[in-house]
Amino acid sequence: MQGFLNAVTGIANESGFSGLVQNPGYLIMIIVACGLIYLAIGKQFEPLLLLPIAFGMLLANLPFGEIIHMEYFIPPEGADPGLYPMFSEILHHGGLADMLYLGVKLGIYPPLIFLGIGTMTDFGPLISNPKSLLLGAAAQLGIFTTYIGAKLLGFTGPQAGAIGIIGGADGPTAIFVASQLAPELLGAIAVAAYSYMALVPIIQPPIMKALTTKKERMIVMEQLRPVSKLEKIIFPILCTIVICLILPTSVPLVGMLMLGNLMKESGVVERINKTAGNELMNIITIFLGVSVGCTTNAATFLNKNTLFIVALGLVAFCFGTAGGVLFGRLMCWATHGKVNPLIGSAGVSAVPMAARVAQKVGQQENPQNFLLMHAMGPNVAGVIGSAVAAGILINLFK
């Protein structure tokens, strides 16, 4: 009888329930993960990535599961990152998520996501109206203002850069920069970035309306000119050469984005174009989401830095939207009312959601207003702009 009781006691002590008692933080994170799963399924907030991230968070906070070991990826203080035996530890003692997280740590998954995005993106509106590039650039204001704010709160330069990139409203870019500059903050940055991307229809309209007049919101823009196939083929090639010669650190993101678009527009590689935009992107999305979610265990997530990151992420997103809208107003003034400043809000990189929000707000003021294609120009420019901003930050701090 005593042996039976000892066996039961031993099982109870080694179960996850005892872990929850020892560290209630795990229970908090499990509740947060379930909340994110609800938002992904019930509210359909960025479900393609929020669902695997949330489930990865759930797995990482089941006590004693040891699905990931972040200590293998973050060198001890004072250690040489180049000599840290990360791979040896992972291969001999790593779990499932350790293997998957290598794709994040080595910067593999985000560029492949960009490859898929390129196959689904039409650069026509941007080519037709090159001035849209300025709106996309202006919307990166949130990145650099938030960098300053993060520095004032005590974050290091690399950490501040990784936090600031949330303002680009581009999840893969945020993950790429965080994995390179501040892997210890990756989970919080990824959750903040995708949460705010999902909340674009809620966050942006009040800012857009506060910074524009009713008359400006009612402006009807002229129809965009048609773009030839030759222009669509030349653009990604030229864009890659110019941007990557100026900023070589942007090659992984910009290069893959443009390759995907070139495959789409060339019309000669339909099979691999379809694979990159569907099967490959879906597989990478699963791996990326689960592995990033697994970095959000209670030990690394429940601290004041996470609260700062969530708050700074909101500031970054608001400043990015405001920067685009205000520059849109400037263009409206310079063109004597030919540009509707609402399209500036689409300069953030949430494609195509931000463009749809600009269309919706414009039609609320004027039912005859069709801004979607005009807003797609800044929206696509925002994708390029966030990749360039990522290259700048990595170049500065790595």
Protein backbone atom coordinates (compact mmCIF):
# COMPACT_ATOMS: atom_id res chain seq x y z
CA MET A 1 0.00 0.00 0.00
CA GLN A 2 2.84 2.36 0.91
CA GLY A 3 4.52 1.60 -2.40
CA PHE A 4 1.33 2.45 -4.28
CA LEU A 5 0.99 5.76 -2.43
CA ASN A 6 4.63 6.60 -3.15
CA ALA A 7 4.07 5.88 -6.84
CA VAL A 8 0.98 8.10 -6.96
CA THR A 9 2.81 10.85 -5.10
CA GLY A 10 5.75 10.59 -7.48
CA ILE A 11 3.50 10.84 -10.55
CA ALA A 12 1.69 13.83 -9.04
CA ASN A 13 4.97 15.61 -8.29
CA GLU A 14 6.24 15.05 -11.81
CA SER A 15 2.98 16.06 -13.50
CA GLY A 16 2.34 19.40 -15.10
CA PHE A 17 -0.20 20.23 -12.39
CA SER A 18 2.56 20.48 -9.80
CA GLY A 19 4.39 22.79 -12.20
CA LEU A 20 1.36 25.08 -12.33
CA VAL A 21 1.32 25.20 -8.53
CA GLN A 22 5.05 25.97 -8.38
CA ASN A 23 4.82 28.70 -11.04
CA PRO A 24 1.35 30.26 -11.49
CA GLY A 25 2.81 32.26 -14.38
CA TYR A 26 2.33 29.20 -16.57
CA LEU A 27 -1.41 29.28 -15.86
CA ILE A 28 -1.55 32.98 -16.80
CA MET A 29 0.19 32.28 -20.09
CA ILE A 30 -2.13 29.34 -20.83
CA ILE A 31 -5.09 31.69 -20.36
CA VAL A 32 -3.46 34.29 -22.64
CA ALA A 33 -2.82 31.59 -25.26
CA CYS A 34 -6.46 30.47 -25.13
CA GLY A 35 -7.53 34.10 -25.49
CA LEU A 36 -5.40 34.48 -28.63
CA ILE A 37 -6.80 31.23 -30.01
CA TYR A 38 -10.29 32.64 -29.49
CA LEU A 39 -9.35 35.85 -31.34
CA ALA A 40 -7.88 33.81 -34.21
CA ILE A 41 -10.88 31.48 -34.56
CA GLY A 42 -13.81 33.45 -33.18
CA LYS A 43 -12.87 36.91 -34.45
CA GLN A 44 -10.61 35.82 -37.33
CA PHE A 45 -7.84 38.23 -36.31
CA GLU A 46 -4.86 37.29 -38.56
CA PRO A 47 -5.71 33.58 -38.05
CA LEU A 48 -3.06 32.19 -40.41
CA LEU A 49 -0.27 33.19 -38.05
CA LEU A 50 -2.04 34.08 -34.81
CA LEU A 51 -3.43 30.55 -34.44
CA PRO A 52 -0.08 28.69 -34.68
CA ILE A 53 1.61 31.38 -32.55
CA ALA A 54 -1.07 31.03 -29.87
CA PHE A 55 -0.87 27.24 -29.90
CA GLY A 56 2.92 27.41 -29.72
CA MET A 57 2.49 29.66 -26.68
CA LEU A 58 0.19 27.03 -25.17
CA LEU A 59 2.74 24.25 -25.75
CA ALA A 60 5.60 26.30 -24.30
CA ASN A 61 3.71 26.92 -21.06
CA LEU A 62 2.74 23.35 -20.28
CA PRO A 63 5.13 22.66 -17.37
CA PHE A 64 7.96 20.15 -17.93
CA GLY A 65 7.11 19.81 -21.63
CA GLU A 66 10.51 21.26 -22.56
CA ILE A 67 9.46 21.78 -26.15
CA ILE A 68 12.01 24.60 -26.57
CA HIS A 69 15.18 25.67 -24.79
CA MET A 70 15.85 29.36 -25.42
CA GLU A 71 19.11 29.15 -23.49
CA TYR A 72 20.53 27.31 -26.51
CA PHE A 73 19.94 30.35 -28.69
CA ILE A 74 20.91 33.21 -26.38
CA PRO A 75 24.61 33.15 -25.40
CA PRO A 76 25.40 33.74 -21.71
CA GLU A 77 26.40 37.29 -20.86
CA GLY A 78 29.98 37.89 -21.93
CA ALA A 79 30.14 34.88 -24.25
CA ASP A 80 31.22 35.26 -27.86
CA PRO A 81 28.05 34.71 -29.97
CA GLY A 82 30.18 33.38 -32.80
CA LEU A 83 31.66 30.65 -30.61
CA TYR A 84 28.56 29.75 -28.63
CA PRO A 85 27.89 25.99 -29.24
CA MET A 86 24.24 26.43 -30.16
CA PHE A 87 23.99 23.71 -32.78
CA SER A 88 25.71 21.04 -30.71
CA GLU A 89 23.31 21.54 -27.81
CA ILE A 90 20.25 21.53 -30.07
CA LEU A 91 21.24 18.40 -31.98
CA HIS A 92 21.97 16.43 -28.82
CA HIS A 93 19.38 17.76 -26.39
CA GLY A 94 16.93 19.93 -28.35
CA GLY A 95 13.18 19.41 -28.66
CA LEU A 96 10.85 19.79 -31.63
CA ALA A 97 10.54 23.56 -31.41
CA ASP A 98 14.30 23.93 -31.02
CA MET A 99 14.72 22.39 -34.47
CA LEU A 100 11.95 24.54 -35.97
CA TYR A 101 13.27 27.70 -34.32
CA LEU A 102 16.55 27.33 -36.19
CA GLY A 103 14.69 28.62 -39.25
CA VAL A 104 13.90 31.81 -37.32
CA LYS A 105 17.33 32.16 -35.72
CA LEU A 106 19.14 31.70 -39.03
CA GLY A 107 16.81 34.14 -40.80
CA ILE A 108 15.30 31.56 -43.17
CA TYR A 109 11.54 31.72 -42.61
CA PRO A 110 10.81 35.48 -42.98
CA PRO A 111 12.51 35.81 -46.41
CA LEU A 112 10.60 32.76 -47.63
CA ILE A 113 7.38 34.40 -46.40
CA PHE A 114 8.38 37.46 -48.43
CA LEU A 115 8.89 35.22 -51.45
CA GLY A 116 5.28 34.08 -51.11
CA ILE A 117 4.05 37.64 -50.56
CA GLY A 118 5.80 38.67 -53.77
CA THR A 119 3.90 36.05 -55.78
CA MET A 120 0.59 37.48 -54.54
CA THR A 121 1.36 41.20 -54.81
CA ASP A 122 0.50 43.45 -57.71
CA PHE A 123 3.00 46.30 -58.00
CA GLY A 124 0.88 47.89 -60.75
CA PRO A 125 -0.66 50.66 -58.57
CA LEU A 126 2.79 51.62 -57.30
CA ILE A 127 4.32 51.65 -60.79
CA SER A 128 1.37 53.67 -62.10
CA ASN A 129 1.76 56.26 -59.35
CA PRO A 130 5.42 56.35 -58.22
CA LYS A 131 4.64 59.16 -55.75
CA SER A 132 3.12 56.41 -53.61
CA LEU A 133 6.67 55.51 -52.58
CA LEU A 134 6.81 58.75 -50.60
CA LEU A 135 3.69 57.80 -48.65
CA GLY A 136 5.14 54.38 -47.90
CA ALA A 137 8.34 56.03 -46.67
CA ALA A 138 6.45 58.54 -44.52
CA ALA A 139 4.53 55.73 -42.82
CA GLN A 140 7.83 54.33 -41.50
CA LEU A 141 7.88 57.29 -39.09
CA GLY A 142 6.54 55.02 -36.36
CA ILE A 143 9.61 52.77 -36.54
CA PHE A 144 12.15 55.46 -35.80
CA THR A 145 10.12 57.48 -33.29
CA THR A 146 9.45 54.30 -31.30
CA TYR A 147 13.14 53.45 -31.43
CA ILE A 148 13.81 56.71 -29.62
CA GLY A 149 11.05 55.97 -27.10
CA ALA A 150 12.43 52.49 -26.40
CA LYS A 151 15.90 53.92 -25.82
CA LEU A 152 14.47 56.40 -23.32
CA LEU A 153 12.84 53.51 -21.45
CA GLY A 154 16.21 51.82 -21.01
CA PHE A 155 16.28 49.27 -23.84
CA THR A 156 19.59 48.74 -25.63
CA GLY A 157 20.07 49.98 -29.20
CA PRO A 158 19.45 46.56 -30.81
CA GLN A 159 16.42 45.94 -28.59
CA ALA A 160 14.99 49.39 -29.38
CA GLY A 161 15.44 48.77 -33.10
CA ALA A 162 13.68 45.41 -32.87
CA ILE A 163 10.77 47.00 -30.96
CA GLY A 164 10.49 49.93 -33.33
CA ILE A 165 10.05 47.70 -36.39
CA ILE A 166 6.56 46.83 -35.07
CA GLY A 167 5.57 50.22 -36.49
CA GLY A 168 6.02 48.86 -39.99
CA ALA A 169 2.98 46.60 -39.40
CA ASP A 170 4.80 43.70 -41.03
CA GLY A 171 4.94 40.50 -38.97
CA PRO A 172 7.66 38.62 -40.90
CA THR A 173 9.89 41.72 -40.91
CA ALA A 174 9.39 42.21 -37.16
CA ILE A 175 10.31 38.57 -36.55
CA PHE A 176 13.34 38.80 -38.85
CA VAL A 177 14.74 41.91 -37.13
CA ALA A 178 14.00 40.62 -33.62
CA SER A 179 15.69 37.27 -34.32
CA GLN A 180 18.79 39.10 -35.52
CA LEU A 181 18.98 41.89 -32.93
CA ALA A 182 17.06 40.84 -29.81
CA PRO A 183 16.05 37.14 -29.77
CA GLU A 184 15.22 37.41 -26.07
CA LEU A 185 12.33 39.75 -27.00
CA LEU A 186 11.13 37.81 -30.04
CA GLY A 187 7.97 36.33 -28.53
CA ALA A 188 6.66 39.62 -27.17
CA ILE A 189 7.51 41.50 -30.39
CA ALA A 190 5.83 38.88 -32.60
CA VAL A 191 2.65 38.79 -30.50
CA ALA A 192 2.48 42.61 -30.43
CA ALA A 193 3.12 42.92 -34.19
CA TYR A 194 0.47 40.43 -35.24
CA SER A 195 -2.04 41.67 -32.67
CA TYR A 196 -1.83 45.22 -34.00
CA MET A 197 -1.92 44.03 -37.60
CA ALA A 198 -5.17 42.26 -36.77
CA LEU A 199 -6.52 45.45 -35.19
CA VAL A 200 -5.84 47.67 -38.23
CA PRO A 201 -9.59 48.22 -38.90
CA ILE A 202 -10.03 49.37 -35.30
CA ILE A 203 -6.86 51.42 -34.70
CA GLN A 204 -6.53 53.31 -37.98
CA PRO A 205 -9.94 54.97 -38.66
CA PRO A 206 -9.95 57.26 -35.58
CA ILE A 207 -6.44 58.48 -36.43
CA MET A 208 -7.37 59.02 -40.08
CA LYS A 209 -10.47 61.02 -39.19
CA ALA A 210 -8.69 63.07 -36.54
CA LEU A 211 -5.94 64.18 -38.93
CA THR A 212 -8.09 64.99 -41.99
CA THR A 213 -11.07 67.18 -42.78
CA LYS A 214 -14.35 65.93 -44.20
CA LYS A 215 -13.62 67.79 -47.44
CA GLU A 216 -10.27 66.01 -47.79
CA ARG A 217 -11.80 62.61 -47.11
CA MET A 218 -14.36 63.20 -49.87
CA ILE A 219 -11.73 63.82 -52.58
CA VAL A 220 -12.22 61.56 -55.61
CA MET A 221 -8.92 60.64 -57.29
CA GLU A 222 -8.37 60.17 -61.01
CA GLN A 223 -8.20 56.64 -62.37
CA LEU A 224 -4.71 55.14 -62.49
CA ARG A 225 -3.09 54.60 -65.87
CA PRO A 226 -2.70 51.01 -67.16
CA VAL A 227 0.67 49.41 -66.52
CA SER A 228 2.32 47.28 -69.22
CA LYS A 229 3.70 43.80 -68.66
CA LEU A 230 7.19 45.01 -69.52
CA GLU A 231 7.03 47.62 -66.74
CA LYS A 232 5.92 44.96 -64.26
CA ILE A 233 8.85 42.73 -65.25
CA ILE A 234 11.47 45.48 -65.14
CA PHE A 235 10.31 46.94 -61.81
CA PRO A 236 11.31 44.06 -59.46
CA ILE A 237 14.67 43.66 -61.20
CA LEU A 238 15.47 47.37 -61.06
CA CYS A 239 14.15 47.69 -57.50
CA THR A 240 16.36 44.81 -56.32
CA ILE A 241 19.50 46.25 -57.92
CA VAL A 242 19.01 49.81 -56.64
CA ILE A 243 17.88 49.01 -53.08
CA CYS A 244 20.34 46.20 -52.46
CA LEU A 245 23.31 48.17 -53.80
CA ILE A 246 22.44 51.04 -51.49
CA LEU A 247 21.62 48.81 -48.51
CA PRO A 248 23.10 45.29 -48.84
CA THR A 249 21.59 44.15 -45.51
CA SER A 250 18.13 44.36 -47.09
CA VAL A 251 18.96 41.65 -49.65
CA PRO A 252 17.22 38.72 -47.84
CA LEU A 253 13.83 40.46 -47.56
CA VAL A 254 13.80 42.74 -50.61
CA GLY A 255 15.46 40.14 -52.83
CA MET A 256 12.95 37.41 -52.00
CA LEU A 257 10.00 39.80 -52.30
CA MET A 258 11.10 40.87 -55.77
CA LEU A 259 11.91 37.32 -56.87
CA GLY A 260 8.40 36.23 -55.96
CA ASN A 261 6.91 39.15 -57.87
CA LEU A 262 9.11 38.51 -60.90
CA MET A 263 7.97 34.88 -60.98
CA LYS A 264 4.37 36.11 -60.93
CA GLU A 265 4.74 38.76 -63.61
CA SER A 266 7.01 36.81 -65.98
CA GLY A 267 4.30 34.22 -66.62
CA VAL A 268 6.88 31.54 -67.50
CA VAL A 269 7.21 29.74 -64.15
CA GLU A 270 3.59 29.20 -63.20
CA ARG A 271 4.30 25.94 -61.39
CA ILE A 272 6.92 27.28 -58.96
CA ASN A 273 5.03 30.55 -58.65
CA LYS A 274 2.01 28.60 -57.43
CA THR A 275 4.16 26.53 -55.07
CA ALA A 276 5.87 29.58 -53.55
CA GLY A 277 2.58 31.39 -52.98
CA ASN A 278 0.65 28.40 -51.66
CA GLU A 279 2.28 25.17 -50.46
CA LEU A 280 5.68 26.58 -49.48
CA MET A 281 4.25 29.66 -47.83
CA ASN A 282 1.70 27.60 -45.89
CA ILE A 283 4.39 25.23 -44.61
CA ILE A 284 6.69 28.07 -43.56
CA THR A 285 3.80 29.88 -41.91
CA ILE A 286 3.13 26.84 -39.70
CA PHE A 287 6.80 26.43 -38.76
CA LEU A 288 7.26 30.15 -38.14
CA GLY A 289 4.11 30.55 -36.06
CA VAL A 290 4.64 27.52 -33.84
CA SER A 291 8.33 28.17 -33.21
CA VAL A 292 7.80 31.86 -32.44
CA GLY A 293 4.87 31.03 -30.16
CA CYS A 294 7.08 28.61 -28.25
CA THR A 295 9.42 31.46 -27.28
CA THR A 296 6.68 33.03 -25.15
CA ASN A 297 7.03 30.96 -22.00
CA ALA A 298 6.20 32.48 -18.63
CA ALA A 299 9.84 32.90 -17.64
CA THR A 300 10.64 35.18 -20.59
CA PHE A 301 7.24 36.74 -21.31
CA LEU A 302 5.81 37.81 -17.95
CA ASN A 303 7.90 40.86 -17.14
CA LYS A 304 7.75 44.64 -17.41
CA ASN A 305 9.61 44.60 -20.74
CA THR A 306 6.66 42.79 -22.34
CA LEU A 307 4.28 45.50 -21.13
CA PHE A 308 6.62 48.18 -22.50
CA ILE A 309 6.83 46.36 -25.85
CA VAL A 310 3.04 46.08 -26.15
CA ALA A 311 2.65 49.79 -25.33
CA LEU A 312 5.49 50.87 -27.62
CA GLY A 313 4.10 48.70 -30.41
CA LEU A 314 0.81 50.59 -30.25
CA VAL A 315 2.67 53.90 -30.29
CA ALA A 316 4.71 52.73 -33.28
CA PHE A 317 1.63 51.71 -35.21
CA CYS A 318 -0.22 54.96 -34.45
CA PHE A 319 2.77 57.10 -35.43
CA GLY A 320 3.21 55.11 -38.66
CA THR A 321 -0.42 55.67 -39.61
CA ALA A 322 -0.21 59.35 -38.65
CA GLY A 323 3.00 59.84 -40.65
CA GLY A 324 1.38 58.47 -43.80
CA VAL A 325 -1.81 60.52 -43.40
CA LEU A 326 0.03 63.77 -42.67
CA PHE A 327 2.28 63.31 -45.69
CA GLY A 328 -0.89 62.56 -47.67
CA ARG A 329 -2.24 65.93 -46.59
CA LEU A 330 0.99 67.54 -47.75
CA MET A 331 0.62 65.87 -51.14
CA CYS A 332 -3.02 66.95 -51.26
CA TRP A 333 -1.93 70.57 -50.74
CA ALA A 334 0.92 70.30 -53.27
CA THR A 335 -1.37 68.84 -55.96
CA HIS A 336 -4.19 71.31 -55.25
CA GLY A 337 -6.59 68.65 -53.98
CA LYS A 338 -5.86 65.78 -56.37
CA VAL A 339 -4.66 63.35 -53.66
CA ASN A 340 -6.97 62.01 -50.97
CA PRO A 341 -4.81 61.96 -47.80
CA LEU A 342 -6.59 58.83 -46.55
CA ILE A 343 -4.45 56.70 -48.86
CA GLY A 344 -1.42 57.70 -46.76
CA SER A 345 -2.68 55.49 -43.94
CA ALA A 346 -2.08 52.48 -46.22
CA GLY A 347 1.65 53.26 -46.17
CA VAL A 348 2.01 50.76 -43.35
CA SER A 349 2.80 47.26 -44.51
CA ALA A 350 -0.43 45.44 -43.61
CA VAL A 351 -1.33 44.28 -47.15
CA PRO A 352 -4.12 44.54 -48.26
CA MET A 353 -5.97 45.28 -45.02
CA ALA A 354 -4.73 48.87 -44.65
CA ALA A 355 -5.76 49.66 -48.24
CA ARG A 356 -9.23 48.28 -47.55
CA VAL A 357 -9.53 50.47 -44.45
CA ALA A 358 -8.68 53.56 -46.54
CA GLN A 359 -11.35 52.53 -49.05
CA LYS A 360 -13.94 52.00 -46.31
CA VAL A 361 -13.31 55.33 -44.56
CA GLY A 362 -13.37 57.17 -47.89
CA GLN A 363 -16.68 55.63 -48.90
CA GLN A 364 -18.24 56.54 -45.57
CA GLU A 365 -17.78 60.20 -46.53
CA ASN A 366 -18.46 59.81 -50.24
CA PRO A 367 -20.20 56.67 -51.57
CA GLN A 368 -18.80 57.44 -55.05
CA ASN A 369 -15.24 57.30 -53.78
CA PHE A 370 -13.16 54.28 -54.81
CA LEU A 371 -9.73 54.54 -53.20
CA LEU A 372 -8.71 50.86 -53.04
CA MET A 373 -6.36 50.78 -56.04
CA HIS A 374 -4.91 54.19 -55.15
CA ALA A 375 -4.27 52.95 -51.59
CA MET A 376 -2.60 49.77 -52.84
CA GLY A 377 0.30 51.87 -54.15
CA PRO A 378 1.33 53.15 -50.68
CA ASN A 379 0.48 49.75 -49.22
CA VAL A 380 2.95 47.95 -51.48
CA ALA A 381 5.45 50.76 -50.92
CA GLY A 382 5.05 50.11 -47.19
CA VAL A 383 6.14 46.49 -47.66
CA ILE A 384 9.28 47.66 -49.43
CA GLY A 385 9.77 50.47 -46.91
CA SER A 386 9.58 48.17 -43.89
CA ALA A 387 12.11 45.80 -45.49
CA VAL A 388 14.46 48.74 -46.14
CA ALA A 389 13.99 49.99 -42.56
CA ALA A 390 14.83 46.49 -41.32
CA GLY A 391 18.01 46.56 -43.37
CA ILE A 392 18.96 49.93 -41.90
CA LEU A 393 18.44 48.75 -38.32
CA ILE A 394 20.36 45.52 -38.85
CA ASN A 395 23.17 47.45 -40.52
CA LEU A 396 23.34 49.82 -37.53
CA PHE A 397 23.32 47.30 -34.71
CA LYS A 398 24.57 43.93 -35.91
